[in-house]
């Protein structure tokens, strides 16, 4: 997916890795908060940012516990979506 590795939850794209970046589907509200962090950027690999998605350099995630927290945020959002 997106030329990288993607993970689905009930058929919905949830998170993944694109090149050396972690990508997360957080929804617009949580993504808006996440984007205030210096190392978090809009998920934009085509020139058109995807709403509700963010990306960050994998090396800047902050360790295993921080990675789990980011992924749980993505999973929580994807649980709110209807299955495909």
PDB file of N, CA and C in Angstrom:
ATOM      1  N   UNK A   1       0.852  -1.173   0.000  1.00  0.00           N
ATOM      2  CA  UNK A   1       0.000   0.000   0.000  1.00  0.00           C
ATOM      3  C   UNK A   1       0.895   1.231   0.000  1.00  0.00           C
ATOM      4  N   UNK A   2       0.655   2.178  -0.875  1.00  0.00           N
ATOM      5  CA  UNK A   2       1.438   3.409  -0.986  1.00  0.00           C
ATOM      6  C   UNK A   2       2.917   3.121  -1.249  1.00  0.00           C
ATOM      7  N   UNK A   3       3.235   1.970  -1.792  1.00  0.00           N
ATOM      8  CA  UNK A   3       4.626   1.616  -2.037  1.00  0.00           C
ATOM      9  C   UNK A   3       5.355   1.217  -0.775  1.00  0.00           C
ATOM     10  N   UNK A   4       4.613   0.864   0.272  1.00  0.00           N
ATOM     11  CA  UNK A   4       5.213   0.451   1.541  1.00  0.00           C
ATOM     12  C   UNK A   4       4.441  -0.711   2.129  1.00  0.00           C
ATOM     13  N   UNK A   5       4.513  -0.852   3.415  1.00  0.00           N
ATOM     14  CA  UNK A   5       3.839  -1.915   4.145  1.00  0.00           C
ATOM     15  C   UNK A   5       2.660  -1.311   4.887  1.00  0.00           C
ATOM     16  N   UNK A   6       1.468  -1.857   4.669  1.00  0.00           N
ATOM     17  CA  UNK A   6       0.276  -1.331   5.323  1.00  0.00           C
ATOM     18  C   UNK A   6      -0.442  -2.400   6.117  1.00  0.00           C
ATOM     19  N   UNK A   7      -1.119  -1.985   7.175  1.00  0.00           N
ATOM     20  CA  UNK A   7      -1.891  -2.892   8.015  1.00  0.00           C
ATOM     21  C   UNK A   7      -3.344  -2.451   8.029  1.00  0.00           C
ATOM     22  N   UNK A   8      -4.230  -3.406   7.833  1.00  0.00           N
ATOM     23  CA  UNK A   8      -5.656  -3.152   7.789  1.00  0.00           C
ATOM     24  C   UNK A   8      -6.318  -3.626   9.071  1.00  0.00           C
ATOM     25  N   UNK A   9      -7.419  -2.965   9.429  1.00  0.00           N
ATOM     26  CA  UNK A   9      -8.262  -3.400  10.535  1.00  0.00           C
ATOM     27  C   UNK A   9      -9.684  -3.436  10.000  1.00  0.00           C
ATOM     28  N   UNK A  10     -10.265  -4.608   9.945  1.00  0.00           N
ATOM     29  CA  UNK A  10     -11.606  -4.806   9.387  1.00  0.00           C
ATOM     30  C   UNK A  10     -11.713  -4.236   7.976  1.00  0.00           C
ATOM     31  N   UNK A  11     -10.639  -4.371   7.203  1.00  0.00           N
ATOM     32  CA  UNK A  11     -10.628  -3.916   5.819  1.00  0.00           C
ATOM     33  C   UNK A  11     -10.274  -2.462   5.626  1.00  0.00           C
ATOM     34  N   UNK A  12     -10.067  -1.721   6.686  1.00  0.00           N
ATOM     35  CA  UNK A  12      -9.693  -0.309   6.616  1.00  0.00           C
ATOM     36  C   UNK A  12      -8.203  -0.148   6.889  1.00  0.00           C
ATOM     37  N   UNK A  13      -7.546   0.655   6.058  1.00  0.00           N
ATOM     38  CA  UNK A  13      -6.135   0.949   6.291  1.00  0.00           C
ATOM     39  C   UNK A  13      -5.991   1.659   7.631  1.00  0.00           C
ATOM     40  N   UNK A  14      -5.051   1.178   8.443  1.00  0.00           N
ATOM     41  CA  UNK A  14      -4.886   1.677   9.807  1.00  0.00           C
ATOM     42  C   UNK A  14      -3.527   2.363  10.000  1.00  0.00           C
ATOM     43  N   UNK A  15      -2.468   1.672   9.631  1.00  0.00           N
ATOM     44  CA  UNK A  15      -1.124   2.203   9.825  1.00  0.00           C
ATOM     45  C   UNK A  15      -0.173   1.461   8.907  1.00  0.00           C
ATOM     46  N   UNK A  16       1.055   1.932   8.851  1.00  0.00           N
ATOM     47  CA  UNK A  16       2.031   1.265   8.014  1.00  0.00           C
ATOM     48  C   UNK A  16       3.358   1.981   8.020  1.00  0.00           C
ATOM     49  N   UNK A  17       4.198   1.554   7.099  1.00  0.00           N
ATOM     50  CA  UNK A  17       5.520   2.142   6.944  1.00  0.00           C
ATOM     51  C   UNK A  17       5.699   2.473   5.468  1.00  0.00           C
ATOM     52  N   UNK A  18       6.098   3.698   5.197  1.00  0.00           N
ATOM     53  CA  UNK A  18       6.407   4.143   3.841  1.00  0.00           C
ATOM     54  C   UNK A  18       7.825   4.672   3.858  1.00  0.00           C
ATOM     55  N   UNK A  19       8.697   4.007   3.130  1.00  0.00           N
ATOM     56  CA  UNK A  19      10.131   4.310   3.146  1.00  0.00           C
ATOM     57  C   UNK A  19      10.613   4.234   4.595  1.00  0.00           C
ATOM     58  N   UNK A  20      11.061   5.339   5.174  1.00  0.00           N
ATOM     59  CA  UNK A  20      11.530   5.307   6.567  1.00  0.00           C
ATOM     60  C   UNK A  20      10.591   6.077   7.480  1.00  0.00           C
ATOM     61  N   UNK A  21       9.305   6.092   7.099  1.00  0.00           N
ATOM     62  CA  UNK A  21       8.315   6.841   7.875  1.00  0.00           C
ATOM     63  C   UNK A  21       7.190   5.937   8.356  1.00  0.00           C
ATOM     64  N   UNK A  22       6.763   6.183   9.563  1.00  0.00           N
ATOM     65  CA  UNK A  22       5.569   5.553  10.112  1.00  0.00           C
ATOM     66  C   UNK A  22       4.382   6.370   9.628  1.00  0.00           C
ATOM     67  N   UNK A  23       3.349   5.704   9.112  1.00  0.00           N
ATOM     68  CA  UNK A  23       2.132   6.406   8.719  1.00  0.00           C
ATOM     69  C   UNK A  23       0.984   5.893   9.581  1.00  0.00           C
ATOM     70  N   UNK A  24       0.132   6.804  10.002  1.00  0.00           N
ATOM     71  CA  UNK A  24      -0.954   6.476  10.920  1.00  0.00           C
ATOM     72  C   UNK A  24      -2.242   7.157  10.487  1.00  0.00           C
ATOM     73  N   UNK A  25      -3.329   6.401  10.550  1.00  0.00           N
ATOM     74  CA  UNK A  25      -4.651   6.971  10.291  1.00  0.00           C
ATOM     75  C   UNK A  25      -5.291   7.267  11.636  1.00  0.00           C
ATOM     76  N   UNK A  26      -5.376   8.535  11.982  1.00  0.00           N
ATOM     77  CA  UNK A  26      -5.825   8.933  13.311  1.00  0.00           C
ATOM     78  C   UNK A  26      -7.184   9.623  13.311  1.00  0.00           C
ATOM     79  N   UNK A  27      -7.703   9.967  12.162  1.00  0.00           N
ATOM     80  CA  UNK A  27      -8.910  10.790  12.109  1.00  0.00           C
ATOM     81  C   UNK A  27      -8.510  12.249  12.225  1.00  0.00           C
ATOM     82  N   UNK A  28      -9.382  13.127  11.756  1.00  0.00           N
ATOM     83  CA  UNK A  28      -9.014  14.543  11.672  1.00  0.00           C
ATOM     84  C   UNK A  28      -8.768  15.192  13.026  1.00  0.00           C
ATOM     85  N   UNK A  29      -9.545  14.847  14.039  1.00  0.00           N
ATOM     86  CA  UNK A  29      -9.371  15.495  15.348  1.00  0.00           C
ATOM     87  C   UNK A  29      -8.034  15.127  15.988  1.00  0.00           C
ATOM     88  N   UNK A  30      -7.759  13.833  16.088  1.00  0.00           N
ATOM     89  CA  UNK A  30      -6.514  13.383  16.734  1.00  0.00           C
ATOM     90  C   UNK A  30      -5.314  13.761  15.875  1.00  0.00           C
ATOM     91  N   UNK A  31      -5.452  13.672  14.569  1.00  0.00           N
ATOM     92  CA  UNK A  31      -4.352  14.071  13.682  1.00  0.00           C
ATOM     93  C   UNK A  31      -4.030  15.553  13.868  1.00  0.00           C
ATOM     94  N   UNK A  32      -5.059  16.372  14.043  1.00  0.00           N
ATOM     95  CA  UNK A  32      -4.834  17.804  14.269  1.00  0.00           C
ATOM     96  C   UNK A  32      -4.009  18.059  15.509  1.00  0.00           C
ATOM     97  N   UNK A  33      -4.263  17.304  16.559  1.00  0.00           N
ATOM     98  CA  UNK A  33      -3.474  17.428  17.792  1.00  0.00           C
ATOM     99  C   UNK A  33      -2.062  16.900  17.562  1.00  0.00           C
ATOM    100  N   UNK A  34      -1.951  15.749  16.903  1.00  0.00           N
ATOM    101  CA  UNK A  34      -0.640  15.135  16.659  1.00  0.00           C
ATOM    102  C   UNK A  34       0.250  16.047  15.811  1.00  0.00           C
ATOM    103  N   UNK A  35      -0.347  16.746  14.868  1.00  0.00           N
ATOM    104  CA  UNK A  35       0.439  17.603  13.973  1.00  0.00           C
ATOM    105  C   UNK A  35       1.081  18.785  14.687  1.00  0.00           C
ATOM    106  N   UNK A  36       0.696  19.037  15.910  1.00  0.00           N
ATOM    107  CA  UNK A  36       1.336  20.098  16.692  1.00  0.00           C
ATOM    108  C   UNK A  36       2.696  19.673  17.222  1.00  0.00           C
ATOM    109  N   UNK A  37       2.973  18.364  17.184  1.00  0.00           N
ATOM    110  CA  UNK A  37       4.281  17.867  17.609  1.00  0.00           C
ATOM    111  C   UNK A  37       5.279  18.100  16.476  1.00  0.00           C
ATOM    112  N   UNK A  38       6.474  18.481  16.837  1.00  0.00           N
ATOM    113  CA  UNK A  38       7.476  18.891  15.860  1.00  0.00           C
ATOM    114  C   UNK A  38       7.808  17.795  14.846  1.00  0.00           C
ATOM    115  N   UNK A  39       7.850  16.555  15.272  1.00  0.00           N
ATOM    116  CA  UNK A  39       8.288  15.482  14.380  1.00  0.00           C
ATOM    117  C   UNK A  39       7.151  14.841  13.582  1.00  0.00           C
ATOM    118  N   UNK A  40       5.934  15.308  13.748  1.00  0.00           N
ATOM    119  CA  UNK A  40       4.773  14.753  13.048  1.00  0.00           C
ATOM    120  C   UNK A  40       4.407  15.677  11.885  1.00  0.00           C
ATOM    121  N   UNK A  41       4.210  15.072  10.720  1.00  0.00           N
ATOM    122  CA  UNK A  41       3.895  15.814   9.497  1.00  0.00           C
ATOM    123  C   UNK A  41       2.611  15.249   8.878  1.00  0.00           C
ATOM    124  N   UNK A  42       1.953  16.038   8.030  1.00  0.00           N
ATOM    125  CA  UNK A  42       0.819  15.483   7.286  1.00  0.00           C
ATOM    126  C   UNK A  42       1.304  14.340   6.382  1.00  0.00           C
ATOM    127  N   UNK A  43       0.478  13.341   6.189  1.00  0.00           N
ATOM    128  CA  UNK A  43       0.828  12.246   5.283  1.00  0.00           C
ATOM    129  C   UNK A  43       0.592  12.731   3.861  1.00  0.00           C
ATOM    130  N   UNK A  44       1.678  13.057   3.205  1.00  0.00           N
ATOM    131  CA  UNK A  44       1.612  13.616   1.860  1.00  0.00           C
ATOM    132  C   UNK A  44       2.770  13.061   1.047  1.00  0.00           C
ATOM    133  N   UNK A  45       2.466  12.127   0.171  1.00  0.00           N
ATOM    134  CA  UNK A  45       3.502  11.574  -0.707  1.00  0.00           C
ATOM    135  C   UNK A  45       3.192  11.865  -2.166  1.00  0.00           C
ATOM    136  N   UNK A  46       2.076  12.568  -2.424  1.00  0.00           N
ATOM    137  CA  UNK A  46       1.663  12.833  -3.794  1.00  0.00           C
ATOM    138  C   UNK A  46       1.478  14.316  -4.083  1.00  0.00           C
ATOM    139  N   UNK A  47       1.639  15.156  -3.077  1.00  0.00           N
ATOM    140  CA  UNK A  47       1.348  16.576  -3.241  1.00  0.00           C
ATOM    141  C   UNK A  47      -0.050  16.943  -2.770  1.00  0.00           C
ATOM    142  N   UNK A  48      -0.816  15.946  -2.313  1.00  0.00           N
ATOM    143  CA  UNK A  48      -2.160  16.160  -1.769  1.00  0.00           C
ATOM    144  C   UNK A  48      -2.234  15.445  -0.420  1.00  0.00           C
ATOM    145  N   UNK A  49      -2.120  16.169   0.689  1.00  0.00           N
ATOM    146  CA  UNK A  49      -2.145  15.522   2.006  1.00  0.00           C
ATOM    147  C   UNK A  49      -3.455  14.752   2.224  1.00  0.00           C
ATOM    148  N   UNK A  50      -3.332  13.613   2.876  1.00  0.00           N
ATOM    149  CA  UNK A  50      -4.511  12.806   3.188  1.00  0.00           C
ATOM    150  C   UNK A  50      -5.068  13.265   4.529  1.00  0.00           C
ATOM    151  N   UNK A  51      -6.330  13.642   4.543  1.00  0.00           N
ATOM    152  CA  UNK A  51      -6.975  14.129   5.766  1.00  0.00           C
ATOM    153  C   UNK A  51      -7.053  13.010   6.798  1.00  0.00           C
ATOM    154  N   UNK A  52      -6.707  13.369   8.027  1.00  0.00           N
ATOM    155  CA  UNK A  52      -6.797  12.407   9.118  1.00  0.00           C
ATOM    156  C   UNK A  52      -5.618  11.468   9.232  1.00  0.00           C
ATOM    157  N   UNK A  53      -4.624  11.656   8.388  1.00  0.00           N
ATOM    158  CA  UNK A  53      -3.429  10.821   8.397  1.00  0.00           C
ATOM    159  C   UNK A  53      -2.216  11.670   8.780  1.00  0.00           C
ATOM    160  N   UNK A  54      -1.247  11.024   9.430  1.00  0.00           N
ATOM    161  CA  UNK A  54       0.022  11.678   9.749  1.00  0.00           C
ATOM    162  C   UNK A  54       1.167  10.741   9.425  1.00  0.00           C
ATOM    163  N   UNK A  55       2.359  11.308   9.384  1.00  0.00           N
ATOM    164  CA  UNK A  55       3.560  10.486   9.223  1.00  0.00           C
ATOM    165  C   UNK A  55       4.694  11.101  10.023  1.00  0.00           C
ATOM    166  N   UNK A  56       5.642  10.262  10.363  1.00  0.00           N
ATOM    167  CA  UNK A  56       6.826  10.714  11.091  1.00  0.00           C
ATOM    168  C   UNK A  56       7.976   9.785  10.774  1.00  0.00           C
ATOM    169  N   UNK A  57       9.172  10.303  10.872  1.00  0.00           N
ATOM    170  CA  UNK A  57      10.356   9.470  10.683  1.00  0.00           C
ATOM    171  C   UNK A  57      10.351   8.372  11.750  1.00  0.00           C
ATOM    172  N   UNK A  58      10.564   7.132  11.331  1.00  0.00           N
ATOM    173  CA  UNK A  58      10.549   6.009  12.272  1.00  0.00           C
ATOM    174  C   UNK A  58      11.531   6.223  13.424  1.00  0.00           C
ATOM    175  N   UNK A  59      12.673   6.805  13.120  1.00  0.00           N
ATOM    176  CA  UNK A  59      13.691   6.998  14.163  1.00  0.00           C
ATOM    177  C   UNK A  59      13.262   8.025  15.211  1.00  0.00           C
ATOM    178  N   UNK A  60      12.210   8.815  14.916  1.00  0.00           N
ATOM    179  CA  UNK A  60      11.756   9.845  15.848  1.00  0.00           C
ATOM    180  C   UNK A  60      10.502   9.445  16.626  1.00  0.00           C
ATOM    181  N   UNK A  61      10.057   8.220  16.457  1.00  0.00           N
ATOM    182  CA  UNK A  61       8.826   7.772  17.131  1.00  0.00           C
ATOM    183  C   UNK A  61       8.976   7.839  18.643  1.00  0.00           C
ATOM    184  N   UNK A  62      10.125   7.448  19.163  1.00  0.00           N
ATOM    185  CA  UNK A  62      10.363   7.574  20.599  1.00  0.00           C
ATOM    186  C   UNK A  62      10.430   6.269  21.355  1.00  0.00           C
ATOM    187  N   UNK A  63      10.720   5.183  20.698  1.00  0.00           N
ATOM    188  CA  UNK A  63      10.870   3.906  21.380  1.00  0.00           C
ATOM    189  C   UNK A  63       9.623   3.042  21.298  1.00  0.00           C
ATOM    190  N   UNK A  64       9.749   1.847  21.861  1.00  0.00           N
ATOM    191  CA  UNK A  64       8.688   0.838  21.757  1.00  0.00           C
ATOM    192  C   UNK A  64       7.379   1.273  22.405  1.00  0.00           C
ATOM    193  N   UNK A  65       7.448   1.846  23.594  1.00  0.00           N
ATOM    194  CA  UNK A  65       6.208   2.266  24.278  1.00  0.00           C
ATOM    195  C   UNK A  65       5.510   3.391  23.518  1.00  0.00           C
ATOM    196  N   UNK A  66       6.282   4.344  23.011  1.00  0.00           N
ATOM    197  CA  UNK A  66       5.694   5.427  22.224  1.00  0.00           C
ATOM    198  C   UNK A  66       5.079   4.880  20.935  1.00  0.00           C
ATOM    199  N   UNK A  67       5.749   3.912  20.305  1.00  0.00           N
ATOM    200  CA  UNK A  67       5.213   3.287  19.101  1.00  0.00           C
ATOM    201  C   UNK A  67       3.867   2.626  19.392  1.00  0.00           C
ATOM    202  N   UNK A  68       3.780   1.909  20.503  1.00  0.00           N
ATOM    203  CA  UNK A  68       2.517   1.277  20.893  1.00  0.00           C
ATOM    204  C   UNK A  68       1.413   2.316  21.066  1.00  0.00           C
ATOM    205  N   UNK A  69       1.734   3.427  21.707  1.00  0.00           N
ATOM    206  CA  UNK A  69       0.730   4.477  21.916  1.00  0.00           C
ATOM    207  C   UNK A  69       0.232   5.033  20.587  1.00  0.00           C
ATOM    208  N   UNK A  70       1.145   5.287  19.649  1.00  0.00           N
ATOM    209  CA  UNK A  70       0.745   5.794  18.336  1.00  0.00           C
ATOM    210  C   UNK A  70      -0.146   4.781  17.621  1.00  0.00           C
ATOM    211  N   UNK A  71       0.256   3.519  17.650  1.00  0.00           N
ATOM    212  CA  UNK A  71      -0.531   2.493  16.957  1.00  0.00           C
ATOM    213  C   UNK A  71      -1.893   2.323  17.603  1.00  0.00           C
ATOM    214  N   UNK A  72      -1.958   2.375  18.931  1.00  0.00           N
ATOM    215  CA  UNK A  72      -3.267   2.269  19.601  1.00  0.00           C
ATOM    216  C   UNK A  72      -4.184   3.428  19.206  1.00  0.00           C
ATOM    217  N   UNK A  73      -3.630   4.618  18.994  1.00  0.00           N
ATOM    218  CA  UNK A  73      -4.445   5.740  18.526  1.00  0.00           C
ATOM    219  C   UNK A  73      -5.044   5.431  17.150  1.00  0.00           C
ATOM    220  N   UNK A  74      -4.230   4.859  16.267  1.00  0.00           N
ATOM    221  CA  UNK A  74      -4.717   4.497  14.932  1.00  0.00           C
ATOM    222  C   UNK A  74      -5.757   3.382  15.012  1.00  0.00           C
ATOM    223  N   UNK A  75      -5.511   2.388  15.839  1.00  0.00           N
ATOM    224  CA  UNK A  75      -6.460   1.273  15.997  1.00  0.00           C
ATOM    225  C   UNK A  75      -7.784   1.800  16.558  1.00  0.00           C
ATOM    226  N   UNK A  76      -7.718   2.656  17.548  1.00  0.00           N
ATOM    227  CA  UNK A  76      -8.961   3.218  18.126  1.00  0.00           C
ATOM    228  C   UNK A  76      -9.779   3.929  17.052  1.00  0.00           C
ATOM    229  N   UNK A  77      -9.110   4.713  16.208  1.00  0.00           N
ATOM    230  CA  UNK A  77      -9.850   5.389  15.150  1.00  0.00           C
ATOM    231  C   UNK A  77     -10.454   4.389  14.176  1.00  0.00           C
ATOM    232  N   UNK A  78      -9.668   3.420  13.747  1.00  0.00           N
ATOM    233  CA  UNK A  78     -10.164   2.464  12.760  1.00  0.00           C
ATOM    234  C   UNK A  78     -11.288   1.586  13.306  1.00  0.00           C
ATOM    235  N   UNK A  79     -11.317   1.368  14.596  1.00  0.00           N
ATOM    236  CA  UNK A  79     -12.434   0.628  15.193  1.00  0.00           C
ATOM    237  C   UNK A  79     -13.746   1.384  15.046  1.00  0.00           C
ATOM    238  N   UNK A  80     -13.670   2.703  14.889  1.00  0.00           N
ATOM    239  CA  UNK A  80     -14.876   3.515  14.756  1.00  0.00           C
ATOM    240  C   UNK A  80     -15.436   3.500  13.330  1.00  0.00           C
ATOM    241  N   UNK A  81     -14.671   2.954  12.389  1.00  0.00           N
ATOM    242  CA  UNK A  81     -15.090   2.920  10.994  1.00  0.00           C
ATOM    243  C   UNK A  81     -15.891   1.654  10.697  1.00  0.00           C
ATOM    244  N   UNK A  82     -16.821   1.723   9.755  1.00  0.00           N
ATOM    245  CA  UNK A  82     -17.547   0.505   9.382  1.00  0.00           C
ATOM    246  C   UNK A  82     -16.621  -0.465   8.665  1.00  0.00           C
ATOM    247  N   UNK A  83     -16.766  -1.758   8.900  1.00  0.00           N
ATOM    248  CA  UNK A  83     -15.925  -2.746   8.183  1.00  0.00           C
ATOM    249  C   UNK A  83     -16.159  -2.672   6.681  1.00  0.00           C
ATOM    250  N   UNK A  84     -15.148  -3.021   5.936  1.00  0.00           N
ATOM    251  CA  UNK A  84     -15.267  -3.067   4.465  1.00  0.00           C
ATOM    252  C   UNK A  84     -15.380  -4.511   4.017  1.00  0.00           C
TER     253      UNK A  84
END
